[in-house]
Amino acid sequence: MSDSSWGAPPQAGQAGYWGPTDGGPVQGAAPAGPAYDGAFAPQHGSPYPSLSQNPEPMPDSPQPAPAPQKKSAGRDLSAAIGVGVGLGAVIIASLFVVKAVFVGVVAVAVVVGLWELTSRLRERKEINAPLVPLAVGGAAMVVAGYARGAEGAWVAMALTALAVLVWRMTQPPENYLKDVTAGVFAAFYVPFLATFVALLLTAQDGAWRVLTFLILTVVSDTGAYAVGWRFGKKKLAPRISPGKTREGLVGAVLFAMVAGALCMQFLIDDGAWWQGLVLGLAVAVSATLGDLGESMIKRDLGIKDMGTLLPGHGGIMDRLDSLLPTAPVVWLLMVAFVGS
């Protein structure tokens, strides 16, 4: 979710602006100097007094009331809804038809997300994190997590980091440490966290666990947006994301806890509604932190979105920001509540 502006003070040169400008006197003020003084000074022998001698009060002219500003979402909502529905259909179809296809969808999303992240690092910071070992290792990480569990995910993560170090050696040594550090960070941030979605899928009711994870994250974001847009006044983290409010966070928590109670009660084997309340609270916190984390990255890079692949949403990474850190939280609580 990107930040949106609620309006800025009028600038010089715009209608209604009466402040000083860089290149001249105050706009709207009478010009100073002899031309102005002579125009209104009484001439010799004139029977009329000057304006300065007998100023007559000027009637107050009514000023039109400023038009109220409407809050704007800052995005094309119709495009965002259409893209969201399309993505949801693809994800649900692959999730409940063939699990391996869903794993492939996750792997593709990881590769595209890595491409977006490394491209923005190169463009904005001149950091050349090697994409080839990241893409190959990231896809392998997701597959290994599904096929071999957590142990496979850790081994794939270690091999991917090693591949980043070796791949970068083929280039000049300048900025080597900076590039490989960014590469290892990218490997952890995108594919390793996404591997926990594959780990959710390995359970007997894995498809329903993944669906619960997706529902809670989307509901949390929706609750934050709806409540924050309607009632938001107090900023949550103005230096990171000015559009987010404390009221929005409360909305995210309430929406996610209700959805969590329903999902754990009716979708998860041996689940209980009170476990859903805890799960919903944890998801709301982790999703918000994930959103703020990527906002921090984009602030540092000086960009609004990570990409333009998804109309109304930005890039793949702009949709994964709250999902990635939430996946390990949901996996851990699912294992604690109902086992693996």
Foldseek 3Di string as FASTA:
>chain_A
DFFDDQDDDDDPPDPPDQQQDPPDGTPPDDDDDDVVVVVQCDDVPDPDHGCVVDPDDDDDDDDDDDDDGADDPPADVVLVVVLVVVVVVVLLVCLPPPPVVNLVVLLVLLLQVLVLVQVLCCVQPVARADSVLLSVLLSQLLVLCLVPNPVRNVVSLVVSLVVRLVVLVVDDPVCSVVNSVVNSVSSCQRRSLSSLLSNLLNDPLSSLLNVLLVVLLVQLQVQLCVQCSVPFDAADDCVQHRSGGPRSLVRSLVRSLVSQLVSQVPRDVPGHSVLRNVLSNLLSVQLVVLLSVVSNVCVVSVHRASACPRHRQGGSCSVCSSSRSSSVVSSVSCCVRPRD
